[in-house]
Amino acid sequence: MVHIITPYSPLKDLGKSYNDAMRLIPENDTACLIDYDVQFLTPDFYSIIEKYTELFPDCVLTCYTNRIHHLSPQLYGGRISDNSDIKYHISIAEKLKDNSYQAKEIQIMSGFLMVIPKSVWHKVKFKEGIGCLGVDSEFRKDLVAAGIKIMLMESLYVFHQYRLLNGVHDKTHLQ
């Protein structure tokens, strides 16, 4: 089973919040950890994620999005989109879900959406005590060091509000 969870830390310890969420799910299950500003765009998003977890049971999965801070293979079209027309983004999601569950291995990952089997988390946990920024980068480094693949689900696209009003460099919400 896949559990969709939006971790939160009033103490700004995102790594601890992620680890606490992973502890809550049963053994043999998977968590889909998402940022508070991520929106699923198609009604079948859950079954898409579930199918990918069956196809790639020993990997961490992520997907395409419209906005993240740095250039990444997760950034649909290779650039940040300031387009706030949700119908536009739904049309992208609908088009991509026809990708027949294709996936590609990536080396860079932003943590806006991470699908993590509990068995993988037992091998690589999140670093705690480092705040909100960089938790995903440290996790990615540890996954690579442990030989765990990060796969991009090419059939899933989500809308990520990510600092849409104030720009991608704004960090006032993290203070």
N, C-alpha and C. Protein backbone atom coordinates (compact mmCIF):
# COMPACT_ATOMS: atom_id res chain seq x y z
N MET A 1 0.83 -1.17 0.00
CA MET A 1 0.00 0.00 0.00
C MET A 1 0.88 1.25 0.00
N VAL A 2 0.42 2.27 -0.69
CA VAL A 2 1.13 3.55 -0.73
C VAL A 2 0.39 4.55 0.16
N HIS A 3 1.12 5.18 1.04
CA HIS A 3 0.56 6.18 1.95
C HIS A 3 1.02 7.56 1.48
N ILE A 4 0.08 8.44 1.18
CA ILE A 4 0.39 9.80 0.75
C ILE A 4 0.48 10.65 2.02
N ILE A 5 1.67 11.23 2.26
CA ILE A 5 1.91 11.95 3.52
C ILE A 5 2.58 13.30 3.21
N THR A 6 2.11 14.33 3.90
CA THR A 6 2.72 15.66 3.82
C THR A 6 3.35 15.96 5.18
N PRO A 7 4.64 15.62 5.36
CA PRO A 7 5.28 15.87 6.65
C PRO A 7 5.39 17.37 6.94
N TYR A 8 5.36 17.70 8.22
CA TYR A 8 5.50 19.08 8.66
C TYR A 8 6.29 19.09 9.96
N SER A 9 7.12 20.09 10.12
CA SER A 9 7.89 20.22 11.34
C SER A 9 7.83 21.65 11.86
N PRO A 10 7.11 21.89 12.96
CA PRO A 10 7.09 23.24 13.53
C PRO A 10 8.47 23.67 14.02
N LEU A 11 9.36 22.70 14.26
CA LEU A 11 10.71 23.00 14.72
C LEU A 11 11.71 23.13 13.57
N LYS A 12 11.18 23.08 12.34
CA LYS A 12 12.02 23.21 11.13
C LYS A 12 13.05 22.09 11.01
N ASP A 13 12.70 20.89 11.48
CA ASP A 13 13.57 19.72 11.34
C ASP A 13 12.87 18.75 10.39
N LEU A 14 12.99 19.03 9.10
CA LEU A 14 12.28 18.25 8.09
C LEU A 14 12.75 16.80 8.06
N GLY A 15 14.05 16.56 8.26
CA GLY A 15 14.55 15.19 8.28
C GLY A 15 13.88 14.36 9.34
N LYS A 16 13.71 14.91 10.54
CA LYS A 16 13.03 14.20 11.63
C LYS A 16 11.57 13.96 11.26
N SER A 17 10.93 14.95 10.66
CA SER A 17 9.53 14.80 10.26
C SER A 17 9.37 13.70 9.21
N TYR A 18 10.29 13.64 8.25
CA TYR A 18 10.26 12.57 7.25
C TYR A 18 10.46 11.21 7.92
N ASN A 19 11.44 11.11 8.81
CA ASN A 19 11.68 9.83 9.50
C ASN A 19 10.49 9.42 10.36
N ASP A 20 9.88 10.39 11.04
CA ASP A 20 8.69 10.08 11.84
C ASP A 20 7.57 9.54 10.96
N ALA A 21 7.38 10.13 9.79
CA ALA A 21 6.35 9.66 8.86
C ALA A 21 6.65 8.23 8.39
N MET A 22 7.90 7.97 8.08
CA MET A 22 8.27 6.63 7.61
C MET A 22 8.08 5.59 8.71
N ARG A 23 8.31 5.97 9.97
CA ARG A 23 8.11 5.03 11.09
C ARG A 23 6.64 4.63 11.23
N LEU A 24 5.74 5.52 10.83
CA LEU A 24 4.31 5.27 11.00
C LEU A 24 3.73 4.24 10.03
N ILE A 25 4.36 4.10 8.86
CA ILE A 25 3.77 3.19 7.88
C ILE A 25 4.17 1.75 8.18
N PRO A 26 3.29 0.81 7.87
CA PRO A 26 3.60 -0.60 8.12
C PRO A 26 4.78 -1.10 7.27
N GLU A 27 5.42 -2.13 7.78
CA GLU A 27 6.47 -2.80 7.01
C GLU A 27 5.86 -3.26 5.68
N ASN A 28 6.65 -3.31 4.64
CA ASN A 28 6.24 -3.72 3.29
C ASN A 28 5.37 -2.69 2.58
N ASP A 29 5.13 -1.54 3.20
CA ASP A 29 4.38 -0.47 2.55
C ASP A 29 5.35 0.60 2.04
N THR A 30 4.78 1.58 1.38
CA THR A 30 5.55 2.65 0.75
C THR A 30 4.92 4.00 1.12
N ALA A 31 5.77 5.00 1.30
CA ALA A 31 5.27 6.35 1.56
C ALA A 31 5.53 7.22 0.34
N CYS A 32 4.56 8.04 0.00
CA CYS A 32 4.73 9.09 -1.00
C CYS A 32 4.75 10.39 -0.20
N LEU A 33 5.96 10.90 0.04
CA LEU A 33 6.13 12.13 0.81
C LEU A 33 6.05 13.31 -0.13
N ILE A 34 5.13 14.24 0.14
CA ILE A 34 4.94 15.39 -0.74
C ILE A 34 5.01 16.69 0.05
N ASP A 35 5.46 17.73 -0.62
CA ASP A 35 5.43 19.07 -0.04
C ASP A 35 3.99 19.55 0.06
N TYR A 36 3.76 20.49 0.96
CA TYR A 36 2.41 21.03 1.19
C TYR A 36 1.84 21.73 -0.04
N ASP A 37 2.69 22.15 -0.96
CA ASP A 37 2.24 22.93 -2.11
C ASP A 37 2.26 22.13 -3.42
N VAL A 38 2.13 20.82 -3.31
CA VAL A 38 2.06 19.93 -4.47
C VAL A 38 0.61 19.53 -4.70
N GLN A 39 0.20 19.56 -5.96
CA GLN A 39 -1.17 19.18 -6.30
C GLN A 39 -1.15 18.08 -7.36
N PHE A 40 -1.83 16.98 -7.06
CA PHE A 40 -2.03 15.93 -8.06
C PHE A 40 -3.07 16.43 -9.06
N LEU A 41 -2.90 16.08 -10.33
CA LEU A 41 -3.71 16.69 -11.39
C LEU A 41 -4.65 15.75 -12.12
N THR A 42 -4.52 14.45 -11.92
CA THR A 42 -5.41 13.51 -12.58
C THR A 42 -6.02 12.60 -11.51
N PRO A 43 -7.24 12.16 -11.71
CA PRO A 43 -7.89 11.33 -10.69
C PRO A 43 -7.24 9.96 -10.49
N ASP A 44 -6.41 9.53 -11.43
CA ASP A 44 -5.79 8.22 -11.33
C ASP A 44 -4.34 8.28 -10.83
N PHE A 45 -3.95 9.41 -10.21
CA PHE A 45 -2.57 9.56 -9.75
C PHE A 45 -2.16 8.42 -8.81
N TYR A 46 -3.07 8.00 -7.93
CA TYR A 46 -2.73 6.96 -6.95
C TYR A 46 -2.40 5.65 -7.65
N SER A 47 -3.22 5.26 -8.61
CA SER A 47 -2.96 3.99 -9.30
C SER A 47 -1.68 4.07 -10.13
N ILE A 48 -1.35 5.24 -10.63
CA ILE A 48 -0.08 5.41 -11.36
C ILE A 48 1.09 5.17 -10.42
N ILE A 49 1.06 5.81 -9.25
CA ILE A 49 2.14 5.64 -8.27
C ILE A 49 2.21 4.18 -7.82
N GLU A 50 1.07 3.59 -7.56
CA GLU A 50 1.03 2.20 -7.11
C GLU A 50 1.66 1.25 -8.14
N LYS A 51 1.35 1.45 -9.41
CA LYS A 51 1.92 0.60 -10.48
C LYS A 51 3.44 0.76 -10.54
N TYR A 52 3.93 2.00 -10.42
CA TYR A 52 5.38 2.21 -10.43
C TYR A 52 6.05 1.52 -9.23
N THR A 53 5.40 1.52 -8.08
CA THR A 53 6.01 0.85 -6.92
C THR A 53 6.11 -0.66 -7.15
N GLU A 54 5.18 -1.20 -7.91
CA GLU A 54 5.26 -2.62 -8.27
C GLU A 54 6.39 -2.87 -9.26
N LEU A 55 6.56 -1.96 -10.22
CA LEU A 55 7.59 -2.12 -11.25
C LEU A 55 9.00 -1.85 -10.73
N PHE A 56 9.12 -0.96 -9.73
CA PHE A 56 10.44 -0.55 -9.21
C PHE A 56 10.43 -0.63 -7.68
N PRO A 57 10.34 -1.84 -7.13
CA PRO A 57 10.15 -2.01 -5.69
C PRO A 57 11.34 -1.62 -4.81
N ASP A 58 12.52 -1.53 -5.38
CA ASP A 58 13.72 -1.25 -4.59
C ASP A 58 14.32 0.11 -4.91
N CYS A 59 13.50 1.00 -5.45
CA CYS A 59 13.98 2.32 -5.87
C CYS A 59 13.19 3.41 -5.16
N VAL A 60 13.77 4.61 -5.15
CA VAL A 60 13.03 5.81 -4.76
C VAL A 60 12.51 6.41 -6.04
N LEU A 61 11.25 6.80 -6.04
CA LEU A 61 10.60 7.33 -7.24
C LEU A 61 10.27 8.81 -7.05
N THR A 62 10.29 9.53 -8.16
CA THR A 62 9.84 10.91 -8.18
C THR A 62 9.17 11.15 -9.53
N CYS A 63 8.81 12.39 -9.82
CA CYS A 63 8.05 12.64 -11.05
C CYS A 63 8.39 14.00 -11.65
N TYR A 64 7.70 14.32 -12.71
CA TYR A 64 7.84 15.63 -13.35
C TYR A 64 7.03 16.69 -12.60
N THR A 65 7.49 17.91 -12.68
CA THR A 65 6.76 19.04 -12.13
C THR A 65 7.04 20.30 -12.94
N ASN A 66 6.37 21.37 -12.58
CA ASN A 66 6.51 22.64 -13.27
C ASN A 66 7.53 23.58 -12.63
N ARG A 67 7.75 23.46 -11.32
CA ARG A 67 8.61 24.42 -10.61
C ARG A 67 9.42 23.74 -9.52
N ILE A 68 10.73 23.93 -9.55
CA ILE A 68 11.63 23.62 -8.44
C ILE A 68 12.76 24.63 -8.51
N HIS A 69 13.60 24.67 -7.51
CA HIS A 69 14.62 25.71 -7.43
C HIS A 69 15.74 25.55 -8.44
N HIS A 70 16.20 24.37 -8.64
CA HIS A 70 17.35 24.16 -9.51
C HIS A 70 16.95 23.34 -10.74
N LEU A 71 17.78 23.42 -11.73
CA LEU A 71 17.52 22.61 -12.93
C LEU A 71 17.66 21.15 -12.56
N SER A 72 16.73 20.38 -12.99
CA SER A 72 16.68 18.96 -12.66
C SER A 72 15.92 18.24 -13.75
N PRO A 73 16.20 16.96 -13.93
CA PRO A 73 15.40 16.18 -14.89
C PRO A 73 13.93 16.11 -14.49
N GLN A 74 13.59 16.47 -13.27
CA GLN A 74 12.20 16.48 -12.82
C GLN A 74 11.43 17.67 -13.38
N LEU A 75 12.12 18.67 -13.85
CA LEU A 75 11.50 19.89 -14.35
C LEU A 75 11.01 19.66 -15.77
N TYR A 76 9.70 19.57 -15.93
CA TYR A 76 9.12 19.27 -17.24
C TYR A 76 9.49 20.36 -18.24
N GLY A 77 9.98 19.93 -19.39
CA GLY A 77 10.39 20.87 -20.43
C GLY A 77 11.73 21.52 -20.16
N GLY A 78 12.37 21.19 -19.06
CA GLY A 78 13.70 21.69 -18.78
C GLY A 78 13.77 23.12 -18.25
N ARG A 79 12.62 23.73 -17.95
CA ARG A 79 12.66 25.09 -17.41
C ARG A 79 11.47 25.33 -16.49
N ILE A 80 11.62 26.30 -15.60
CA ILE A 80 10.58 26.65 -14.65
C ILE A 80 9.41 27.29 -15.39
N SER A 81 8.21 26.92 -15.00
CA SER A 81 7.01 27.49 -15.58
C SER A 81 6.34 28.43 -14.58
N ASP A 82 6.11 29.66 -14.99
CA ASP A 82 5.36 30.62 -14.17
C ASP A 82 3.88 30.62 -14.53
N ASN A 83 3.48 29.73 -15.43
CA ASN A 83 2.10 29.65 -15.85
C ASN A 83 1.24 29.11 -14.70
N SER A 84 0.27 29.89 -14.26
CA SER A 84 -0.58 29.45 -13.15
C SER A 84 -1.94 28.92 -13.61
N ASP A 85 -2.12 28.76 -14.91
CA ASP A 85 -3.37 28.22 -15.44
C ASP A 85 -3.39 26.71 -15.19
N ILE A 86 -4.19 26.29 -14.22
CA ILE A 86 -4.21 24.88 -13.81
C ILE A 86 -4.67 23.97 -14.94
N LYS A 87 -5.52 24.48 -15.83
CA LYS A 87 -5.96 23.66 -16.97
C LYS A 87 -4.77 23.31 -17.87
N TYR A 88 -3.86 24.23 -18.01
CA TYR A 88 -2.64 23.98 -18.80
C TYR A 88 -1.87 22.81 -18.19
N HIS A 89 -1.71 22.83 -16.88
CA HIS A 89 -0.94 21.79 -16.20
C HIS A 89 -1.68 20.45 -16.19
N ILE A 90 -2.99 20.49 -16.07
CA ILE A 90 -3.77 19.25 -16.15
C ILE A 90 -3.59 18.61 -17.52
N SER A 91 -3.53 19.42 -18.57
CA SER A 91 -3.35 18.86 -19.92
C SER A 91 -1.99 18.18 -20.06
N ILE A 92 -0.97 18.71 -19.42
CA ILE A 92 0.35 18.06 -19.43
C ILE A 92 0.26 16.73 -18.69
N ALA A 93 -0.37 16.75 -17.52
CA ALA A 93 -0.50 15.52 -16.73
C ALA A 93 -1.26 14.44 -17.50
N GLU A 94 -2.33 14.84 -18.16
CA GLU A 94 -3.12 13.89 -18.94
C GLU A 94 -2.30 13.30 -20.09
N LYS A 95 -1.52 14.14 -20.74
CA LYS A 95 -0.69 13.67 -21.85
C LYS A 95 0.39 12.69 -21.36
N LEU A 96 1.05 13.03 -20.24
CA LEU A 96 2.15 12.21 -19.76
C LEU A 96 1.71 10.87 -19.19
N LYS A 97 0.49 10.79 -18.68
CA LYS A 97 0.07 9.52 -18.08
C LYS A 97 -0.04 8.41 -19.12
N ASP A 98 0.05 8.75 -20.38
CA ASP A 98 0.04 7.75 -21.45
C ASP A 98 1.44 7.22 -21.76
N ASN A 99 2.43 7.51 -20.92
CA ASN A 99 3.80 7.08 -21.16
C ASN A 99 4.06 5.62 -20.80
N SER A 100 3.02 4.86 -20.60
CA SER A 100 3.12 3.41 -20.37
C SER A 100 4.10 3.03 -19.27
N TYR A 101 4.10 3.80 -18.20
CA TYR A 101 4.92 3.50 -17.02
C TYR A 101 6.41 3.44 -17.32
N GLN A 102 6.84 4.27 -18.24
CA GLN A 102 8.27 4.39 -18.50
C GLN A 102 8.92 5.13 -17.34
N ALA A 103 10.18 4.84 -17.12
CA ALA A 103 10.94 5.51 -16.07
C ALA A 103 12.38 5.65 -16.51
N LYS A 104 13.05 6.65 -15.96
CA LYS A 104 14.47 6.79 -16.25
C LYS A 104 15.20 7.10 -14.95
N GLU A 105 16.41 6.58 -14.86
CA GLU A 105 17.22 6.83 -13.68
C GLU A 105 17.75 8.25 -13.72
N ILE A 106 17.70 8.93 -12.58
CA ILE A 106 18.22 10.29 -12.49
C ILE A 106 19.21 10.38 -11.34
N GLN A 107 20.08 11.37 -11.38
CA GLN A 107 21.10 11.54 -10.35
C GLN A 107 20.83 12.73 -9.44
N ILE A 108 19.98 13.65 -9.90
CA ILE A 108 19.63 14.85 -9.13
C ILE A 108 18.15 14.74 -8.78
N MET A 109 17.82 15.05 -7.51
CA MET A 109 16.41 14.93 -7.12
C MET A 109 16.03 16.04 -6.15
N SER A 110 14.95 16.71 -6.46
CA SER A 110 14.33 17.62 -5.52
C SER A 110 13.27 16.84 -4.76
N GLY A 111 13.08 17.16 -3.48
CA GLY A 111 12.21 16.35 -2.63
C GLY A 111 10.76 16.74 -2.59
N PHE A 112 10.25 17.46 -3.58
CA PHE A 112 8.83 17.85 -3.56
C PHE A 112 7.90 16.65 -3.56
N LEU A 113 8.34 15.53 -4.16
CA LEU A 113 7.58 14.28 -4.17
C LEU A 113 8.58 13.14 -4.22
N MET A 114 8.56 12.32 -3.16
CA MET A 114 9.46 11.16 -3.09
C MET A 114 8.64 9.95 -2.68
N VAL A 115 8.70 8.91 -3.48
CA VAL A 115 8.01 7.65 -3.18
C VAL A 115 9.09 6.69 -2.66
N ILE A 116 8.94 6.31 -1.38
CA ILE A 116 10.01 5.57 -0.71
C ILE A 116 9.46 4.31 -0.06
N PRO A 117 9.90 3.14 -0.54
CA PRO A 117 9.52 1.91 0.15
C PRO A 117 10.13 1.89 1.55
N LYS A 118 9.40 1.38 2.52
CA LYS A 118 9.94 1.33 3.87
C LYS A 118 11.22 0.51 3.92
N SER A 119 11.31 -0.51 3.08
CA SER A 119 12.53 -1.33 3.04
C SER A 119 13.75 -0.51 2.61
N VAL A 120 13.56 0.45 1.73
CA VAL A 120 14.65 1.34 1.32
C VAL A 120 14.99 2.29 2.46
N TRP A 121 13.97 2.82 3.13
CA TRP A 121 14.19 3.74 4.24
C TRP A 121 14.99 3.08 5.37
N HIS A 122 14.78 1.78 5.57
CA HIS A 122 15.57 1.08 6.60
C HIS A 122 17.06 1.13 6.26
N LYS A 123 17.40 1.21 4.98
CA LYS A 123 18.80 1.26 4.55
C LYS A 123 19.34 2.69 4.56
N VAL A 124 18.49 3.65 4.21
CA VAL A 124 18.92 5.06 4.12
C VAL A 124 17.84 5.92 4.77
N LYS A 125 18.18 6.49 5.90
CA LYS A 125 17.24 7.38 6.59
C LYS A 125 17.60 8.84 6.29
N PHE A 126 16.69 9.72 6.62
CA PHE A 126 16.92 11.14 6.42
C PHE A 126 17.79 11.69 7.54
N LYS A 127 18.66 12.63 7.19
CA LYS A 127 19.48 13.29 8.20
C LYS A 127 18.60 14.24 9.00
N GLU A 128 18.77 14.20 10.29
CA GLU A 128 17.99 15.06 11.18
C GLU A 128 18.86 16.20 11.69
N GLY A 129 18.21 17.28 12.10
CA GLY A 129 18.92 18.40 12.70
C GLY A 129 19.59 19.34 11.73
N ILE A 130 19.24 19.24 10.43
CA ILE A 130 19.87 20.14 9.45
C ILE A 130 18.89 21.17 8.91
N GLY A 131 17.72 21.27 9.50
CA GLY A 131 16.74 22.28 9.09
C GLY A 131 15.83 21.78 7.98
N CYS A 132 15.37 22.72 7.16
CA CYS A 132 14.44 22.40 6.07
C CYS A 132 15.13 22.29 4.72
N LEU A 133 16.17 23.06 4.53
CA LEU A 133 16.85 23.08 3.24
C LEU A 133 17.97 22.05 3.20
N GLY A 134 18.07 21.34 2.10
CA GLY A 134 19.16 20.39 1.92
C GLY A 134 18.87 18.98 2.39
N VAL A 135 17.75 18.76 3.04
CA VAL A 135 17.42 17.41 3.51
C VAL A 135 17.31 16.46 2.33
N ASP A 136 16.64 16.90 1.27
CA ASP A 136 16.50 16.05 0.07
C ASP A 136 17.84 15.82 -0.61
N SER A 137 18.70 16.83 -0.64
CA SER A 137 20.02 16.68 -1.27
C SER A 137 20.88 15.68 -0.52
N GLU A 138 20.86 15.75 0.80
CA GLU A 138 21.62 14.79 1.61
C GLU A 138 21.06 13.38 1.44
N PHE A 139 19.75 13.26 1.40
CA PHE A 139 19.11 11.96 1.19
C PHE A 139 19.53 11.38 -0.16
N ARG A 140 19.52 12.21 -1.20
CA ARG A 140 19.93 11.77 -2.53
C ARG A 140 21.36 11.26 -2.51
N LYS A 141 22.25 12.01 -1.89
CA LYS A 141 23.66 11.59 -1.81
C LYS A 141 23.79 10.23 -1.11
N ASP A 142 23.04 10.06 -0.03
CA ASP A 142 23.10 8.81 0.72
C ASP A 142 22.51 7.65 -0.09
N LEU A 143 21.45 7.92 -0.86
CA LEU A 143 20.89 6.87 -1.72
C LEU A 143 21.91 6.41 -2.76
N VAL A 144 22.55 7.37 -3.40
CA VAL A 144 23.55 7.05 -4.42
C VAL A 144 24.70 6.25 -3.80
N ALA A 145 25.16 6.69 -2.63
CA ALA A 145 26.26 5.98 -1.95
C ALA A 145 25.87 4.55 -1.59
N ALA A 146 24.58 4.33 -1.31
CA ALA A 146 24.10 2.99 -0.95
C ALA A 146 23.75 2.15 -2.18
N GLY A 147 23.87 2.74 -3.37
CA GLY A 147 23.57 2.00 -4.60
C GLY A 147 22.08 1.87 -4.89
N ILE A 148 21.28 2.75 -4.29
CA ILE A 148 19.83 2.72 -4.51
C ILE A 148 19.48 3.70 -5.63
N LYS A 149 18.77 3.20 -6.62
CA LYS A 149 18.42 4.02 -7.77
C LYS A 149 17.29 5.00 -7.46
N ILE A 150 17.38 6.16 -8.12
CA ILE A 150 16.30 7.15 -8.10
C ILE A 150 15.72 7.15 -9.50
N MET A 151 14.43 6.85 -9.58
CA MET A 151 13.77 6.73 -10.88
C MET A 151 12.71 7.82 -11.04
N LEU A 152 12.70 8.42 -12.22
CA LEU A 152 11.70 9.42 -12.58
C LEU A 152 10.52 8.72 -13.25
N MET A 153 9.35 8.83 -12.63
CA MET A 153 8.14 8.26 -13.21
C MET A 153 7.69 9.18 -14.35
N GLU A 154 7.84 8.74 -15.56
CA GLU A 154 7.53 9.59 -16.71
C GLU A 154 6.04 9.68 -17.01
N SER A 155 5.23 8.98 -16.26
CA SER A 155 3.77 9.04 -16.47
C SER A 155 3.07 9.92 -15.43
N LEU A 156 3.84 10.56 -14.56
CA LEU A 156 3.23 11.38 -13.52
C LEU A 156 3.80 12.79 -13.54
N TYR A 157 2.90 13.76 -13.54
CA TYR A 157 3.25 15.19 -13.50
C TYR A 157 2.38 15.84 -12.45
N VAL A 158 2.98 16.63 -11.57
CA VAL A 158 2.24 17.34 -10.54
C VAL A 158 2.50 18.84 -10.65
N PHE A 159 1.54 19.61 -10.17
CA PHE A 159 1.70 21.06 -10.08
C PHE A 159 2.36 21.36 -8.75
N HIS A 160 3.45 22.11 -8.79
CA HIS A 160 4.16 22.51 -7.58
C HIS A 160 4.14 24.03 -7.53
N GLN A 161 3.40 24.55 -6.58
CA GLN A 161 3.26 26.01 -6.45
C GLN A 161 4.61 26.68 -6.26
N TYR A 162 5.47 26.09 -5.52
CA TYR A 162 6.85 26.48 -5.24
C TYR A 162 7.17 27.96 -5.47
N ARG A 163 6.86 28.77 -4.49
CA ARG A 163 7.26 30.18 -4.49
C ARG A 163 6.78 30.93 -5.72
N LEU A 164 5.59 30.58 -6.17
CA LEU A 164 5.04 31.14 -7.41
C LEU A 164 4.89 32.66 -7.35
N LEU A 165 4.46 33.19 -6.23
CA LEU A 165 4.23 34.64 -6.13
C LEU A 165 5.51 35.45 -5.95
N ASN A 166 6.44 34.95 -5.16
CA ASN A 166 7.62 35.74 -4.80
C ASN A 166 8.90 35.30 -5.47
N GLY A 167 8.86 34.30 -6.34
CA GLY A 167 10.05 33.85 -7.05
C GLY A 167 10.76 32.70 -6.36
N VAL A 168 11.50 31.94 -7.14
CA VAL A 168 12.11 30.71 -6.64
C VAL A 168 13.21 30.95 -5.61
N HIS A 169 13.70 32.15 -5.49
CA HIS A 169 14.77 32.43 -4.51
C HIS A 169 14.23 32.89 -3.16
N ASP A 170 12.93 33.12 -3.04
CA ASP A 170 12.31 33.58 -1.81
C ASP A 170 12.32 32.47 -0.76
N LYS A 171 12.84 32.78 0.44
CA LYS A 171 12.90 31.79 1.51
C LYS A 171 12.23 32.28 2.79
N THR A 172 11.41 33.32 2.68
CA THR A 172 10.79 33.89 3.88
C THR A 172 9.86 32.89 4.57
N HIS A 173 9.27 31.98 3.83
CA HIS A 173 8.38 30.98 4.44
C HIS A 173 9.13 29.95 5.29
N LEU A 174 10.43 29.93 5.18
CA LEU A 174 11.24 28.96 5.93
C LEU A 174 11.76 29.53 7.25
N GLN A 175 11.50 30.80 7.50
CA GLN A 175 12.03 31.45 8.72
C GLN A 175 11.16 31.18 9.91
